[in-house]
Amino acid sequence: MTDILMPKATAVWLVDNTSLTFDQIADFCGLHPLEVRGIADGEVARDIRGADPIGNGQLSREELDAAQKDPAYRMRAQKSRHAELLKPTKKAPRYTPVSRRQDRPDAVAWFLRNHPEVPDAQVARLLGTTKATIDQIRNRTHWNSANIKPVDPVTLGLASQLELDAVVRKAADKRAKEARARGEDPDGPSLRPASETGVLDDQPEVAEAPEFDIDRD
């Protein structure tokens, strides 16, 4: 049997506009006869507006006329022309070329090193990965841990600079708010913008030359 769209709304319309029995309406809408009786008595679906099953293509006029002439007749629903529009569609999983399957773990590692304050949920949403994968990379239990190296997700093409900056800024604002709630100074060591936490972190630090006092006597 074809499922009825908006069964209670359809039952409301049939109760108000036809001479069908409660059993006929219940059978067509997939409801209990007592529920249909409650609709007729105003105890059920009081605020639901009726939906015309003929107008939305779920019932033909011939079926309705036949049922009104014979209380034993059971109407057969037809597939609504709106059914395909209302049916949720699933997107096909995005194919990732073999040559680029290392990109997401590298980007995750970059986040864990440069912006650990960003929640895993936001990292997963931005990079299209999972929290489980992030945990594996953090704990170095990922199957390819030996080959994972931090790389900026903008460089990898996994996010735009604007998206990355927005995620980092949101996390920084949240941390500052939590610091103020604890009575701490939110203006302490601040986070650098995402645009500044790229390849520069991989460069060795150069120690400043020591200063010597020269006796000019």
N, C-alpha and C. Protein backbone atom coordinates (compact mmCIF):
# COMPACT_ATOMS: atom_id res chain seq x y z
N MET A 1 0.84 -1.20 0.00
CA MET A 1 0.00 0.00 0.00
C MET A 1 0.88 1.25 0.00
N THR A 2 0.51 2.24 -0.81
CA THR A 2 1.26 3.48 -0.87
C THR A 2 1.07 4.29 0.41
N ASP A 3 2.17 4.75 0.99
CA ASP A 3 2.06 5.55 2.20
C ASP A 3 1.40 6.89 1.87
N ILE A 4 0.55 7.33 2.78
CA ILE A 4 -0.15 8.59 2.61
C ILE A 4 0.67 9.73 3.19
N LEU A 5 0.83 10.79 2.42
CA LEU A 5 1.49 11.98 2.93
C LEU A 5 0.51 12.71 3.85
N MET A 6 0.99 13.12 5.01
CA MET A 6 0.17 13.85 5.98
C MET A 6 -1.14 13.09 6.28
N PRO A 7 -1.04 11.91 6.86
CA PRO A 7 -2.24 11.07 7.09
C PRO A 7 -3.32 11.74 7.93
N LYS A 8 -2.93 12.44 9.00
CA LYS A 8 -3.95 13.07 9.85
C LYS A 8 -4.63 14.22 9.12
N ALA A 9 -3.85 15.00 8.40
CA ALA A 9 -4.45 16.11 7.64
C ALA A 9 -5.39 15.57 6.57
N THR A 10 -5.01 14.45 5.96
CA THR A 10 -5.88 13.82 4.96
C THR A 10 -7.16 13.31 5.60
N ALA A 11 -7.03 12.71 6.79
CA ALA A 11 -8.21 12.21 7.50
C ALA A 11 -9.14 13.36 7.87
N VAL A 12 -8.57 14.48 8.27
CA VAL A 12 -9.40 15.65 8.60
C VAL A 12 -10.22 16.07 7.38
N TRP A 13 -9.60 16.10 6.22
CA TRP A 13 -10.31 16.51 5.00
C TRP A 13 -11.40 15.52 4.65
N LEU A 14 -11.11 14.23 4.76
CA LEU A 14 -12.10 13.20 4.41
C LEU A 14 -13.28 13.22 5.38
N VAL A 15 -13.01 13.47 6.65
CA VAL A 15 -14.10 13.56 7.63
C VAL A 15 -15.00 14.74 7.32
N ASP A 16 -14.40 15.86 6.94
CA ASP A 16 -15.17 17.09 6.71
C ASP A 16 -15.87 17.13 5.36
N ASN A 17 -15.34 16.41 4.37
CA ASN A 17 -15.82 16.60 3.01
C ASN A 17 -16.41 15.36 2.35
N THR A 18 -16.48 14.24 3.05
CA THR A 18 -17.03 13.03 2.44
C THR A 18 -17.97 12.34 3.41
N SER A 19 -18.65 11.32 2.88
CA SER A 19 -19.54 10.51 3.71
C SER A 19 -18.93 9.14 4.01
N LEU A 20 -17.62 9.03 3.93
CA LEU A 20 -16.93 7.77 4.19
C LEU A 20 -17.09 7.38 5.66
N THR A 21 -17.05 6.09 5.92
CA THR A 21 -17.11 5.61 7.30
C THR A 21 -15.76 5.81 7.97
N PHE A 22 -15.75 5.74 9.29
CA PHE A 22 -14.49 5.88 10.02
C PHE A 22 -13.53 4.76 9.63
N ASP A 23 -14.06 3.56 9.40
CA ASP A 23 -13.20 2.44 9.03
C ASP A 23 -12.55 2.67 7.67
N GLN A 24 -13.31 3.22 6.73
CA GLN A 24 -12.75 3.48 5.40
C GLN A 24 -11.64 4.53 5.47
N ILE A 25 -11.90 5.59 6.23
CA ILE A 25 -10.89 6.65 6.35
C ILE A 25 -9.65 6.13 7.08
N ALA A 26 -9.87 5.36 8.14
CA ALA A 26 -8.75 4.82 8.91
C ALA A 26 -7.90 3.89 8.04
N ASP A 27 -8.56 3.05 7.23
CA ASP A 27 -7.82 2.12 6.38
C ASP A 27 -7.00 2.88 5.33
N PHE A 28 -7.58 3.92 4.76
CA PHE A 28 -6.89 4.67 3.72
C PHE A 28 -5.71 5.47 4.29
N CYS A 29 -5.90 6.04 5.48
CA CYS A 29 -4.88 6.91 6.06
C CYS A 29 -3.89 6.18 6.97
N GLY A 30 -4.13 4.89 7.22
CA GLY A 30 -3.24 4.16 8.11
C GLY A 30 -3.40 4.55 9.56
N LEU A 31 -4.62 4.92 9.97
CA LEU A 31 -4.91 5.31 11.35
C LEU A 31 -5.83 4.30 12.00
N HIS A 32 -6.01 4.42 13.29
CA HIS A 32 -6.96 3.57 14.01
C HIS A 32 -8.35 4.20 13.89
N PRO A 33 -9.40 3.39 13.73
CA PRO A 33 -10.77 3.94 13.63
C PRO A 33 -11.13 4.87 14.78
N LEU A 34 -10.65 4.55 15.99
CA LEU A 34 -10.95 5.41 17.13
C LEU A 34 -10.27 6.77 16.99
N GLU A 35 -9.12 6.79 16.34
CA GLU A 35 -8.43 8.05 16.11
C GLU A 35 -9.23 8.91 15.13
N VAL A 36 -9.79 8.25 14.11
CA VAL A 36 -10.62 8.98 13.14
C VAL A 36 -11.88 9.49 13.83
N ARG A 37 -12.45 8.69 14.71
CA ARG A 37 -13.62 9.14 15.47
C ARG A 37 -13.26 10.36 16.32
N GLY A 38 -12.08 10.34 16.91
CA GLY A 38 -11.63 11.49 17.70
C GLY A 38 -11.49 12.74 16.85
N ILE A 39 -11.05 12.57 15.58
CA ILE A 39 -10.97 13.70 14.67
C ILE A 39 -12.37 14.26 14.40
N ALA A 40 -13.32 13.36 14.17
CA ALA A 40 -14.70 13.79 13.90
C ALA A 40 -15.31 14.49 15.11
N ASP A 41 -14.92 14.07 16.32
CA ASP A 41 -15.46 14.67 17.53
C ASP A 41 -14.70 15.93 17.94
N GLY A 42 -13.63 16.26 17.22
CA GLY A 42 -12.85 17.45 17.56
C GLY A 42 -11.88 17.25 18.69
N GLU A 43 -11.61 16.00 19.05
CA GLU A 43 -10.70 15.72 20.15
C GLU A 43 -9.28 15.45 19.68
N VAL A 44 -9.15 15.13 18.40
CA VAL A 44 -7.84 14.81 17.83
C VAL A 44 -7.60 15.71 16.63
N ALA A 45 -6.35 16.11 16.43
CA ALA A 45 -5.96 16.93 15.27
C ALA A 45 -6.79 18.20 15.16
N ARG A 46 -7.07 18.82 16.29
CA ARG A 46 -7.94 19.99 16.32
C ARG A 46 -7.35 21.16 15.53
N ASP A 47 -6.05 21.30 15.57
CA ASP A 47 -5.41 22.45 14.92
C ASP A 47 -4.80 22.10 13.56
N ILE A 48 -5.08 20.90 13.06
CA ILE A 48 -4.51 20.48 11.78
C ILE A 48 -5.46 20.85 10.65
N ARG A 49 -4.92 21.50 9.64
CA ARG A 49 -5.72 21.87 8.48
C ARG A 49 -5.82 20.69 7.52
N GLY A 50 -7.02 20.44 7.01
CA GLY A 50 -7.23 19.31 6.12
C GLY A 50 -6.44 19.40 4.83
N ALA A 51 -6.00 18.23 4.34
CA ALA A 51 -5.25 18.15 3.09
C ALA A 51 -6.06 17.34 2.09
N ASP A 52 -6.35 17.91 0.95
CA ASP A 52 -7.18 17.27 -0.07
C ASP A 52 -6.37 16.18 -0.78
N PRO A 53 -6.69 14.90 -0.59
CA PRO A 53 -5.92 13.83 -1.24
C PRO A 53 -6.13 13.78 -2.75
N ILE A 54 -7.25 14.32 -3.23
CA ILE A 54 -7.48 14.36 -4.68
C ILE A 54 -6.63 15.46 -5.31
N GLY A 55 -6.60 16.60 -4.63
CA GLY A 55 -5.81 17.72 -5.14
C GLY A 55 -4.32 17.44 -5.17
N ASN A 56 -3.81 16.68 -4.19
CA ASN A 56 -2.37 16.40 -4.19
C ASN A 56 -2.01 15.08 -4.86
N GLY A 57 -3.01 14.47 -5.52
CA GLY A 57 -2.71 13.31 -6.35
C GLY A 57 -2.62 11.99 -5.62
N GLN A 58 -3.12 11.88 -4.40
CA GLN A 58 -3.06 10.62 -3.68
C GLN A 58 -4.31 9.76 -3.85
N LEU A 59 -5.38 10.37 -4.34
CA LEU A 59 -6.65 9.66 -4.48
C LEU A 59 -7.37 10.16 -5.72
N SER A 60 -7.95 9.23 -6.46
CA SER A 60 -8.70 9.62 -7.65
C SER A 60 -10.16 9.85 -7.28
N ARG A 61 -10.84 10.66 -8.06
CA ARG A 61 -12.26 10.93 -7.82
C ARG A 61 -13.07 9.65 -7.96
N GLU A 62 -12.68 8.77 -8.89
CA GLU A 62 -13.40 7.51 -9.10
C GLU A 62 -13.33 6.62 -7.85
N GLU A 63 -12.15 6.57 -7.23
CA GLU A 63 -12.00 5.77 -6.01
C GLU A 63 -12.87 6.32 -4.89
N LEU A 64 -12.89 7.63 -4.75
CA LEU A 64 -13.69 8.23 -3.69
C LEU A 64 -15.18 7.99 -3.91
N ASP A 65 -15.65 8.15 -5.17
CA ASP A 65 -17.07 7.92 -5.46
C ASP A 65 -17.45 6.48 -5.19
N ALA A 66 -16.60 5.53 -5.57
CA ALA A 66 -16.90 4.12 -5.35
C ALA A 66 -16.98 3.81 -3.87
N ALA A 67 -16.11 4.42 -3.07
CA ALA A 67 -16.10 4.16 -1.63
C ALA A 67 -17.33 4.76 -0.95
N GLN A 68 -17.78 5.91 -1.42
CA GLN A 68 -18.95 6.54 -0.81
C GLN A 68 -20.24 5.78 -1.13
N LYS A 69 -20.21 5.06 -2.22
CA LYS A 69 -21.39 4.27 -2.57
C LYS A 69 -21.42 2.93 -1.84
N ASP A 70 -20.27 2.42 -1.42
CA ASP A 70 -20.19 1.10 -0.78
C ASP A 70 -19.34 1.18 0.47
N PRO A 71 -19.94 1.11 1.66
CA PRO A 71 -19.18 1.22 2.92
C PRO A 71 -18.14 0.12 3.08
N ALA A 72 -18.28 -0.99 2.36
CA ALA A 72 -17.32 -2.08 2.47
C ALA A 72 -16.12 -1.89 1.53
N TYR A 73 -16.22 -0.89 0.67
CA TYR A 73 -15.15 -0.67 -0.31
C TYR A 73 -13.95 0.00 0.37
N ARG A 74 -12.78 -0.47 0.01
CA ARG A 74 -11.55 0.12 0.56
C ARG A 74 -10.79 0.81 -0.55
N MET A 75 -10.54 2.08 -0.37
CA MET A 75 -9.89 2.87 -1.41
C MET A 75 -8.41 2.51 -1.54
N ARG A 76 -7.93 2.59 -2.75
CA ARG A 76 -6.52 2.34 -3.04
C ARG A 76 -5.84 3.67 -3.34
N ALA A 77 -4.81 3.96 -2.59
CA ALA A 77 -4.08 5.21 -2.81
C ALA A 77 -3.19 5.09 -4.03
N GLN A 78 -3.00 6.20 -4.70
CA GLN A 78 -2.07 6.22 -5.82
C GLN A 78 -0.88 7.08 -5.44
N LYS A 79 0.22 6.84 -6.11
CA LYS A 79 1.44 7.55 -5.77
C LYS A 79 1.29 9.03 -6.06
N SER A 80 1.53 9.84 -5.05
CA SER A 80 1.39 11.29 -5.21
C SER A 80 2.45 11.86 -6.12
N ARG A 81 2.06 12.83 -6.90
CA ARG A 81 3.04 13.49 -7.77
C ARG A 81 4.03 14.33 -6.97
N HIS A 82 3.72 14.54 -5.68
CA HIS A 82 4.63 15.31 -4.83
C HIS A 82 5.60 14.41 -4.06
N ALA A 83 5.38 13.10 -4.15
CA ALA A 83 6.16 12.19 -3.31
C ALA A 83 7.66 12.29 -3.60
N GLU A 84 8.02 12.37 -4.87
CA GLU A 84 9.43 12.43 -5.21
C GLU A 84 10.08 13.71 -4.73
N LEU A 85 9.30 14.81 -4.71
CA LEU A 85 9.84 16.08 -4.26
C LEU A 85 10.09 16.08 -2.76
N LEU A 86 9.25 15.35 -2.02
CA LEU A 86 9.36 15.33 -0.57
C LEU A 86 10.34 14.28 -0.06
N LYS A 87 10.72 13.36 -0.94
CA LYS A 87 11.61 12.29 -0.52
C LYS A 87 13.03 12.83 -0.37
N PRO A 88 13.67 12.62 0.80
CA PRO A 88 15.04 13.12 0.97
C PRO A 88 16.01 12.39 0.05
N THR A 89 16.91 13.13 -0.52
CA THR A 89 17.89 12.53 -1.41
C THR A 89 19.24 12.49 -0.70
N LYS A 90 19.94 11.39 -0.89
CA LYS A 90 21.24 11.22 -0.28
C LYS A 90 22.32 11.54 -1.30
N LYS A 91 23.26 12.34 -0.87
CA LYS A 91 24.36 12.68 -1.76
C LYS A 91 25.33 11.51 -1.83
N ALA A 92 25.83 11.29 -3.00
CA ALA A 92 26.82 10.23 -3.17
C ALA A 92 28.10 10.64 -2.44
N PRO A 93 28.77 9.68 -1.81
CA PRO A 93 30.00 10.02 -1.11
C PRO A 93 31.03 10.61 -2.06
N ARG A 94 31.72 11.64 -1.59
CA ARG A 94 32.70 12.33 -2.42
C ARG A 94 33.94 11.45 -2.57
N TYR A 95 34.34 11.26 -3.82
CA TYR A 95 35.52 10.44 -4.08
C TYR A 95 36.78 11.27 -3.88
N THR A 96 37.71 10.71 -3.15
CA THR A 96 38.98 11.38 -2.92
C THR A 96 40.07 10.61 -3.65
N PRO A 97 40.75 11.26 -4.60
CA PRO A 97 41.82 10.56 -5.32
C PRO A 97 42.87 10.02 -4.37
N VAL A 98 43.47 8.90 -4.77
CA VAL A 98 44.49 8.27 -3.92
C VAL A 98 45.62 9.24 -3.62
N SER A 99 45.97 10.06 -4.60
CA SER A 99 47.09 10.98 -4.44
C SER A 99 46.82 12.06 -3.40
N ARG A 100 45.55 12.24 -3.02
CA ARG A 100 45.21 13.31 -2.09
C ARG A 100 44.62 12.79 -0.78
N ARG A 101 44.65 11.50 -0.58
CA ARG A 101 44.06 10.95 0.64
C ARG A 101 44.88 11.26 1.88
N GLN A 102 46.10 11.74 1.70
CA GLN A 102 46.92 12.10 2.82
C GLN A 102 46.65 13.54 3.26
N ASP A 103 45.94 14.30 2.44
CA ASP A 103 45.76 15.73 2.72
C ASP A 103 45.01 15.98 4.02
N ARG A 104 43.90 15.26 4.23
CA ARG A 104 43.10 15.53 5.44
C ARG A 104 43.86 15.22 6.72
N PRO A 105 44.52 14.05 6.82
CA PRO A 105 45.32 13.82 8.04
C PRO A 105 46.39 14.89 8.26
N ASP A 106 47.00 15.35 7.18
CA ASP A 106 48.02 16.41 7.32
C ASP A 106 47.38 17.70 7.84
N ALA A 107 46.19 18.01 7.32
CA ALA A 107 45.50 19.22 7.76
C ALA A 107 45.06 19.10 9.22
N VAL A 108 44.61 17.92 9.62
CA VAL A 108 44.23 17.69 11.02
C VAL A 108 45.44 17.89 11.92
N ALA A 109 46.57 17.34 11.52
CA ALA A 109 47.79 17.50 12.31
C ALA A 109 48.17 18.97 12.45
N TRP A 110 47.94 19.75 11.38
CA TRP A 110 48.22 21.18 11.44
C TRP A 110 47.35 21.86 12.49
N PHE A 111 46.07 21.50 12.53
CA PHE A 111 45.18 22.08 13.53
C PHE A 111 45.61 21.69 14.93
N LEU A 112 45.95 20.42 15.12
CA LEU A 112 46.32 19.95 16.46
C LEU A 112 47.58 20.64 16.96
N ARG A 113 48.49 20.98 16.05
CA ARG A 113 49.72 21.64 16.46
C ARG A 113 49.54 23.14 16.65
N ASN A 114 48.85 23.79 15.70
CA ASN A 114 48.77 25.25 15.72
C ASN A 114 47.55 25.81 16.43
N HIS A 115 46.46 25.10 16.42
CA HIS A 115 45.22 25.61 17.02
C HIS A 115 44.49 24.50 17.77
N PRO A 116 45.09 23.98 18.84
CA PRO A 116 44.43 22.92 19.61
C PRO A 116 43.16 23.39 20.30
N GLU A 117 42.96 24.73 20.35
CA GLU A 117 41.75 25.25 21.01
C GLU A 117 40.50 25.08 20.14
N VAL A 118 40.67 24.80 18.85
CA VAL A 118 39.52 24.62 17.97
C VAL A 118 38.89 23.25 18.25
N PRO A 119 37.59 23.19 18.56
CA PRO A 119 36.94 21.91 18.89
C PRO A 119 37.03 20.92 17.74
N ASP A 120 37.10 19.64 18.10
CA ASP A 120 37.18 18.59 17.09
C ASP A 120 36.01 18.64 16.12
N ALA A 121 34.82 18.99 16.63
CA ALA A 121 33.63 19.01 15.78
C ALA A 121 33.79 20.03 14.66
N GLN A 122 34.40 21.20 14.97
CA GLN A 122 34.60 22.22 13.94
C GLN A 122 35.67 21.81 12.94
N VAL A 123 36.71 21.16 13.44
CA VAL A 123 37.76 20.68 12.55
C VAL A 123 37.19 19.63 11.60
N ALA A 124 36.39 18.71 12.15
CA ALA A 124 35.80 17.66 11.33
C ALA A 124 34.89 18.24 10.26
N ARG A 125 34.10 19.25 10.66
CA ARG A 125 33.16 19.86 9.71
C ARG A 125 33.91 20.62 8.60
N LEU A 126 34.96 21.31 8.98
CA LEU A 126 35.70 22.11 8.00
C LEU A 126 36.47 21.24 7.02
N LEU A 127 37.06 20.15 7.52
CA LEU A 127 37.93 19.32 6.69
C LEU A 127 37.21 18.13 6.08
N GLY A 128 35.98 17.86 6.52
CA GLY A 128 35.26 16.71 5.98
C GLY A 128 35.81 15.39 6.50
N THR A 129 36.19 15.37 7.78
CA THR A 129 36.71 14.14 8.37
C THR A 129 35.86 13.76 9.57
N THR A 130 36.32 12.86 10.41
CA THR A 130 35.54 12.41 11.56
C THR A 130 36.31 12.66 12.86
N LYS A 131 35.55 12.70 13.97
CA LYS A 131 36.19 12.87 15.27
C LYS A 131 37.10 11.69 15.60
N ALA A 132 36.71 10.49 15.16
CA ALA A 132 37.52 9.31 15.42
C ALA A 132 38.89 9.43 14.75
N THR A 133 38.90 9.94 13.52
CA THR A 133 40.17 10.12 12.82
C THR A 133 41.03 11.16 13.53
N ILE A 134 40.40 12.23 14.00
CA ILE A 134 41.15 13.27 14.71
C ILE A 134 41.78 12.70 15.98
N ASP A 135 41.02 11.89 16.72
CA ASP A 135 41.56 11.26 17.94
C ASP A 135 42.74 10.35 17.61
N GLN A 136 42.63 9.61 16.51
CA GLN A 136 43.72 8.71 16.12
C GLN A 136 44.98 9.48 15.79
N ILE A 137 44.81 10.61 15.10
CA ILE A 137 45.98 11.42 14.75
C ILE A 137 46.56 12.06 16.00
N ARG A 138 45.71 12.51 16.91
CA ARG A 138 46.18 13.14 18.15
C ARG A 138 46.94 12.13 19.01
N ASN A 139 46.43 10.91 19.09
CA ASN A 139 47.03 9.88 19.93
C ASN A 139 48.09 9.06 19.20
N ARG A 140 48.33 9.41 17.94
CA ARG A 140 49.31 8.71 17.11
C ARG A 140 48.98 7.22 16.97
N THR A 141 47.70 6.92 16.85
CA THR A 141 47.28 5.54 16.61
C THR A 141 46.75 5.39 15.18
N HIS A 142 46.84 6.45 14.41
CA HIS A 142 46.41 6.40 13.01
C HIS A 142 47.30 5.44 12.25
N TRP A 143 46.73 4.70 11.32
CA TRP A 143 47.51 3.68 10.60
C TRP A 143 48.68 4.27 9.82
N ASN A 144 48.60 5.57 9.50
CA ASN A 144 49.67 6.18 8.71
C ASN A 144 50.38 7.28 9.49
N SER A 145 50.44 7.14 10.79
CA SER A 145 51.01 8.20 11.63
C SER A 145 52.43 8.57 11.24
N ALA A 146 53.20 7.61 10.82
CA ALA A 146 54.60 7.88 10.51
C ALA A 146 54.76 8.86 9.35
N ASN A 147 53.75 8.94 8.49
CA ASN A 147 53.86 9.80 7.30
C ASN A 147 53.04 11.08 7.39
N ILE A 148 52.37 11.30 8.53
CA ILE A 148 51.54 12.49 8.67
C ILE A 148 52.40 13.68 9.09
N LYS A 149 52.28 14.77 8.36
CA LYS A 149 53.01 15.99 8.70
C LYS A 149 52.06 17.17 8.62
N PRO A 150 52.15 18.12 9.54
CA PRO A 150 51.23 19.26 9.55
C PRO A 150 51.36 20.11 8.30
N VAL A 151 50.24 20.31 7.61
CA VAL A 151 50.22 21.18 6.44
C VAL A 151 48.97 22.04 6.52
N ASP A 152 49.12 23.32 6.22
CA ASP A 152 48.02 24.29 6.24
C ASP A 152 46.89 23.82 5.32
N PRO A 153 45.64 23.71 5.85
CA PRO A 153 44.52 23.26 5.02
C PRO A 153 44.21 24.18 3.85
N VAL A 154 44.60 25.47 3.96
CA VAL A 154 44.39 26.38 2.83
C VAL A 154 45.33 26.01 1.70
N THR A 155 46.56 25.69 2.05
CA THR A 155 47.53 25.26 1.05
C THR A 155 47.08 23.98 0.36
N LEU A 156 46.44 23.10 1.12
CA LEU A 156 45.98 21.82 0.57
C LEU A 156 44.69 21.97 -0.23
N GLY A 157 44.05 23.14 -0.15
CA GLY A 157 42.81 23.35 -0.88
C GLY A 157 41.59 22.77 -0.19
N LEU A 158 41.69 22.47 1.11
CA LEU A 158 40.57 21.91 1.85
C LEU A 158 39.68 22.98 2.47
N ALA A 159 40.16 24.20 2.52
CA ALA A 159 39.37 25.30 3.09
C ALA A 159 39.92 26.61 2.54
N SER A 160 39.07 27.62 2.55
CA SER A 160 39.52 28.95 2.15
C SER A 160 40.12 29.65 3.36
N GLN A 161 40.88 30.69 3.11
CA GLN A 161 41.48 31.44 4.21
C GLN A 161 40.41 32.07 5.08
N LEU A 162 39.32 32.53 4.47
CA LEU A 162 38.23 33.13 5.23
C LEU A 162 37.57 32.11 6.16
N GLU A 163 37.35 30.90 5.64
CA GLU A 163 36.74 29.86 6.47
C GLU A 163 37.65 29.49 7.63
N LEU A 164 38.93 29.37 7.34
CA LEU A 164 39.88 29.00 8.37
C LEU A 164 39.97 30.07 9.45
N ASP A 165 40.07 31.33 9.03
CA ASP A 165 40.15 32.43 10.00
C ASP A 165 38.90 32.50 10.86
N ALA A 166 37.73 32.23 10.26
CA ALA A 166 36.47 32.29 11.00
C ALA A 166 36.44 31.22 12.09
N VAL A 167 36.91 30.02 11.76
CA VAL A 167 36.92 28.93 12.75
C VAL A 167 37.88 29.25 13.89
N VAL A 168 39.05 29.74 13.55
CA VAL A 168 40.04 30.06 14.58
C VAL A 168 39.57 31.22 15.45
N ARG A 169 38.96 32.23 14.82
CA ARG A 169 38.48 33.39 15.58
C ARG A 169 37.36 32.98 16.54
N LYS A 170 36.48 32.10 16.08
CA LYS A 170 35.39 31.65 16.95
C LYS A 170 35.92 30.92 18.17
N ALA A 171 36.91 30.06 17.96
CA ALA A 171 37.50 29.33 19.08
C ALA A 171 38.22 30.27 20.03
N ALA A 172 38.90 31.28 19.47
CA ALA A 172 39.62 32.24 20.32
C ALA A 172 38.64 33.06 21.15
N ASP A 173 37.54 33.48 20.55
CA ASP A 173 36.54 34.25 21.28
C ASP A 173 35.93 33.42 22.41
N LYS A 174 35.70 32.15 22.13
CA LYS A 174 35.12 31.28 23.16
C LYS A 174 36.09 31.10 24.31
N ARG A 175 37.39 30.94 24.00
CA ARG A 175 38.38 30.76 25.06
C ARG A 175 38.51 32.02 25.89
N ALA A 176 38.44 33.19 25.24
CA ALA A 176 38.52 34.45 25.98
C ALA A 176 37.32 34.62 26.91
N LYS A 177 36.14 34.21 26.42
CA LYS A 177 34.94 34.32 27.23
C LYS A 177 35.03 33.41 28.45
N GLU A 178 35.55 32.20 28.25
CA GLU A 178 35.71 31.27 29.37
C GLU A 178 36.75 31.79 30.36
N ALA A 179 37.79 32.45 29.84
CA ALA A 179 38.82 33.00 30.73
C ALA A 179 38.24 34.11 31.60
N ARG A 180 37.42 34.97 31.00
CA ARG A 180 36.78 36.04 31.78
C ARG A 180 35.85 35.46 32.84
N ALA A 181 35.16 34.37 32.50
CA ALA A 181 34.25 33.75 33.46
C ALA A 181 35.01 33.19 34.65
N ARG A 182 36.28 32.79 34.41
CA ARG A 182 37.10 32.27 35.51
C ARG A 182 37.85 33.37 36.24
N GLY A 183 37.65 34.62 35.80
CA GLY A 183 38.33 35.74 36.44
C GLY A 183 39.75 35.91 35.98
N GLU A 184 40.11 35.29 34.84
CA GLU A 184 41.46 35.41 34.32
C GLU A 184 41.53 36.53 33.30
N ASP A 185 42.74 36.90 32.94
CA ASP A 185 42.95 37.97 31.98
C ASP A 185 42.86 37.40 30.57
N PRO A 186 41.82 37.75 29.81
CA PRO A 186 41.70 37.21 28.45
C PRO A 186 42.69 37.84 27.48
N ASP A 187 43.40 38.92 27.92
CA ASP A 187 44.34 39.60 27.04
C ASP A 187 45.77 39.13 27.25
N GLY A 188 45.87 37.90 27.78
CA GLY A 188 47.21 37.34 27.95
C GLY A 188 47.78 36.95 26.61
N PRO A 189 48.65 35.95 26.58
CA PRO A 189 49.21 35.52 25.29
C PRO A 189 48.09 35.18 24.34
N SER A 190 48.03 35.90 23.24
CA SER A 190 46.92 35.73 22.30
C SER A 190 47.30 34.76 21.19
N LEU A 191 46.27 34.29 20.52
CA LEU A 191 46.47 33.38 19.41
C LEU A 191 46.83 34.16 18.15
N ARG A 192 47.68 33.61 17.37
CA ARG A 192 48.00 34.24 16.10
C ARG A 192 46.91 33.91 15.09
N PRO A 193 46.67 34.79 14.13
CA PRO A 193 45.71 34.48 13.08
C PRO A 193 46.15 33.24 12.31
N ALA A 194 45.18 32.53 11.73
CA ALA A 194 45.50 31.32 11.00
C ALA A 194 46.44 31.59 9.85
N SER A 195 46.36 32.82 9.28
CA SER A 195 47.22 33.15 8.15
C SER A 195 48.69 33.24 8.54
N GLU A 196 48.96 33.33 9.87
CA GLU A 196 50.34 33.46 10.31
C GLU A 196 50.91 32.17 10.88
N THR A 197 50.10 31.11 10.89
CA THR A 197 50.56 29.86 11.49
C THR A 197 50.78 28.82 10.40
N GLY A 198 51.59 29.18 9.42
CA GLY A 198 51.84 28.27 8.31
C GLY A 198 53.25 27.74 8.36
N VAL A 199 53.96 27.92 7.24
CA VAL A 199 55.29 27.33 7.11
C VAL A 199 56.31 27.95 8.06
N LEU A 200 55.99 29.15 8.58
CA LEU A 200 56.97 29.79 9.46
C LEU A 200 57.24 28.97 10.70
N ASP A 201 56.23 28.16 11.13
CA ASP A 201 56.43 27.36 12.33
C ASP A 201 57.47 26.26 12.10
N ASP A 202 57.72 25.93 10.85
CA ASP A 202 58.66 24.85 10.58
C ASP A 202 60.11 25.35 10.53
N GLN A 203 60.32 26.69 10.57
CA GLN A 203 61.66 27.24 10.49
C GLN A 203 62.31 27.23 11.87
N PRO A 204 63.56 26.86 11.97
CA PRO A 204 64.24 26.86 13.28
C PRO A 204 64.39 28.27 13.80
N GLU A 205 64.29 28.39 15.09
CA GLU A 205 64.43 29.69 15.71
C GLU A 205 65.91 30.09 15.71
N VAL A 206 66.19 31.34 15.39
CA VAL A 206 67.57 31.84 15.36
C VAL A 206 67.83 32.62 16.63
N ALA A 207 68.78 32.18 17.38
CA ALA A 207 69.08 32.85 18.65
C ALA A 207 69.72 34.20 18.38
N GLU A 208 69.34 35.16 19.18
CA GLU A 208 69.91 36.49 19.02
C GLU A 208 71.37 36.49 19.49
N ALA A 209 72.19 37.25 18.80
CA ALA A 209 73.61 37.33 19.17
C ALA A 209 73.73 38.01 20.53
N PRO A 210 74.56 37.49 21.41
CA PRO A 210 74.72 38.11 22.74
C PRO A 210 75.38 39.47 22.63
N GLU A 211 75.00 40.34 23.51
CA GLU A 211 75.58 41.67 23.52
C GLU A 211 76.76 41.71 24.50
N PHE A 212 77.84 42.35 24.10
CA PHE A 212 79.03 42.44 24.95
C PHE A 212 79.31 43.90 25.27
N ASP A 213 79.67 44.12 26.49
CA ASP A 213 80.08 45.47 26.90
C ASP A 213 81.55 45.65 26.54
N ILE A 214 81.86 46.62 25.75
CA ILE A 214 83.23 46.87 25.34
C ILE A 214 83.82 48.03 26.12
N ASP A 215 84.92 47.76 26.77
CA ASP A 215 85.57 48.80 27.55
C ASP A 215 86.34 49.73 26.61
N ARG A 216 85.90 50.96 26.54
CA ARG A 216 86.50 51.90 25.62
C ARG A 216 87.57 52.77 26.31
N ASP A 217 87.98 52.43 27.52
CA ASP A 217 88.99 53.24 28.21
C ASP A 217 90.34 53.16 27.48
